[in-house]
């Protein structure tokens, strides 16, 4: 049986550098030469101010990324989403922060995902 080639490559193509003394972000790096317009998804556990994701979005654009999606479990968005909305084509969260919903963010129905998984 011949294996079909994978359509999508799952990798961790980016790094962020943080100054441990100050906690400030000091740079970003995408570990690819050319993403050739491929759609990219950044998945993380939390988005507070969004600085990490904005920096990665710039670097991904420099590497010829296609549409960008940001998916986080806890979307705090303490600095709003204006800058994130300019950098990303889609922003999604499960909305576990307990705060008010933010216009322009897709809230994923975790309860429905959990119920489906529990029946398997």
Protein backbone atom coordinates (compact mmCIF):
# COMPACT_ATOMS: atom_id res chain seq x y z
CA UNK A 1 0.00 0.00 0.00
CA UNK A 2 1.47 3.29 -1.09
CA UNK A 3 1.22 6.20 1.36
CA UNK A 4 -0.30 9.43 0.12
CA UNK A 5 1.85 12.53 0.54
CA UNK A 6 0.79 14.83 3.35
CA UNK A 7 -0.93 17.99 2.21
CA UNK A 8 -0.07 19.95 5.32
CA UNK A 9 3.18 20.03 7.17
CA UNK A 10 2.82 20.36 10.92
CA UNK A 11 5.84 22.15 12.28
CA UNK A 12 6.86 24.72 14.83
CA UNK A 13 8.25 27.22 12.35
CA UNK A 14 8.74 30.19 14.66
CA UNK A 15 10.65 31.27 17.73
CA UNK A 16 10.43 34.28 19.97
CA UNK A 17 13.32 35.64 21.96
CA UNK A 18 12.68 37.16 25.38
CA UNK A 19 15.11 39.12 27.52
CA UNK A 20 14.99 37.12 30.76
CA UNK A 21 16.11 40.12 32.82
CA UNK A 22 13.31 42.45 31.66
CA UNK A 23 10.73 40.04 30.26
CA UNK A 24 10.60 42.09 27.06
CA UNK A 25 10.45 40.43 23.68
CA UNK A 26 13.68 40.99 21.80
CA UNK A 27 13.04 39.37 18.46
CA UNK A 28 11.24 36.75 16.41
CA UNK A 29 12.44 34.14 13.96
CA UNK A 30 10.56 32.00 11.44
CA UNK A 31 12.40 28.78 10.70
CA UNK A 32 11.51 28.63 7.03
CA UNK A 33 12.95 30.29 3.96
CA UNK A 34 9.73 30.72 1.99
CA UNK A 35 6.25 29.67 3.06
CA UNK A 36 5.04 30.08 -0.53
CA UNK A 37 1.67 31.54 0.44
CA UNK A 38 0.75 28.66 2.73
CA UNK A 39 -1.94 29.41 5.30
CA UNK A 40 -0.48 29.59 8.81
CA UNK A 41 -2.09 29.04 12.18
CA UNK A 42 -0.55 30.18 15.44
CA UNK A 43 -1.93 28.14 18.36
CA UNK A 44 -1.26 29.12 21.96
CA UNK A 45 -2.81 28.89 25.39
CA UNK A 46 -3.29 32.60 26.07
CA UNK A 47 -3.35 35.97 24.36
CA UNK A 48 -3.04 38.85 26.76
CA UNK A 49 -1.66 41.94 25.00
CA UNK A 50 -0.81 40.19 21.74
CA UNK A 51 2.82 41.34 21.34
CA UNK A 52 4.13 37.85 20.67
CA UNK A 53 1.58 37.24 17.96
CA UNK A 54 2.07 40.62 16.30
CA UNK A 55 5.81 40.03 16.11
CA UNK A 56 5.32 36.56 14.65
CA UNK A 57 2.81 37.90 12.12
CA UNK A 58 5.40 40.37 10.81
CA UNK A 59 8.01 37.63 10.47
CA UNK A 60 5.55 35.25 8.81
CA UNK A 61 4.66 37.98 6.30
CA UNK A 62 8.39 38.45 5.62
CA UNK A 63 8.54 34.73 4.78
CA UNK A 64 5.66 34.93 2.29
CA UNK A 65 2.96 33.39 4.50
CA UNK A 66 -0.60 33.12 3.25
CA UNK A 67 -3.68 33.80 5.39
CA UNK A 68 -2.89 33.99 9.11
CA UNK A 69 -5.09 32.59 11.87
CA UNK A 70 -4.55 33.10 15.59
CA UNK A 71 -6.18 30.45 17.81
CA UNK A 72 -5.91 30.71 21.60
CA UNK A 73 -7.72 28.93 24.42
CA UNK A 74 -7.83 32.02 26.66
CA UNK A 75 -8.36 35.26 24.78
CA UNK A 76 -7.87 38.09 27.27
CA UNK A 77 -7.07 40.74 24.63
CA UNK A 78 -6.22 43.34 27.28
CA UNK A 79 -4.96 45.79 24.66
CA UNK A 80 -7.92 45.23 22.34
CA UNK A 81 -7.80 43.50 18.99
CA UNK A 82 -7.35 46.37 16.54
CA UNK A 83 -3.70 45.61 15.82
CA UNK A 84 -4.33 41.85 15.87
CA UNK A 85 -7.22 42.24 13.43
CA UNK A 86 -4.94 44.06 11.00
CA UNK A 87 -2.30 41.32 11.23
CA UNK A 88 -4.55 38.22 11.23
CA UNK A 89 -7.28 37.07 8.88
CA UNK A 90 -9.03 35.21 11.70
CA UNK A 91 -8.83 35.29 15.50
CA UNK A 92 -10.45 32.43 17.42
CA UNK A 93 -10.73 31.51 21.08
CA UNK A 94 -12.74 29.25 23.37
CA UNK A 95 -13.45 32.33 25.49
CA UNK A 96 -12.38 30.83 28.82
CA UNK A 97 -11.40 34.25 30.20
CA UNK A 98 -14.89 34.86 31.58
CA UNK A 99 -14.83 38.43 30.32
CA UNK A 100 -17.14 40.05 27.80
CA UNK A 101 -17.00 38.88 24.21
CA UNK A 102 -14.90 40.97 21.87
CA UNK A 103 -16.31 41.98 18.48
CA UNK A 104 -14.20 40.49 15.66
CA UNK A 105 -13.20 37.35 17.55
CA UNK A 106 -14.67 33.93 16.71
CA UNK A 107 -15.71 32.11 19.89
CA UNK A 108 -15.46 28.36 19.44
CA UNK A 109 -18.06 26.18 21.17
CA UNK A 110 -15.90 24.14 23.52
CA UNK A 111 -18.90 22.42 25.06
CA UNK A 112 -19.87 20.96 21.69
CA UNK A 113 -16.33 19.77 21.02
CA UNK A 114 -16.13 18.15 24.42
CA UNK A 115 -19.46 16.36 24.04
CA UNK A 116 -18.47 14.96 20.65
CA UNK A 117 -15.16 13.69 22.00
CA UNK A 118 -16.78 12.13 25.06
CA UNK A 119 -19.01 9.94 22.90
CA UNK A 120 -16.18 8.32 20.97
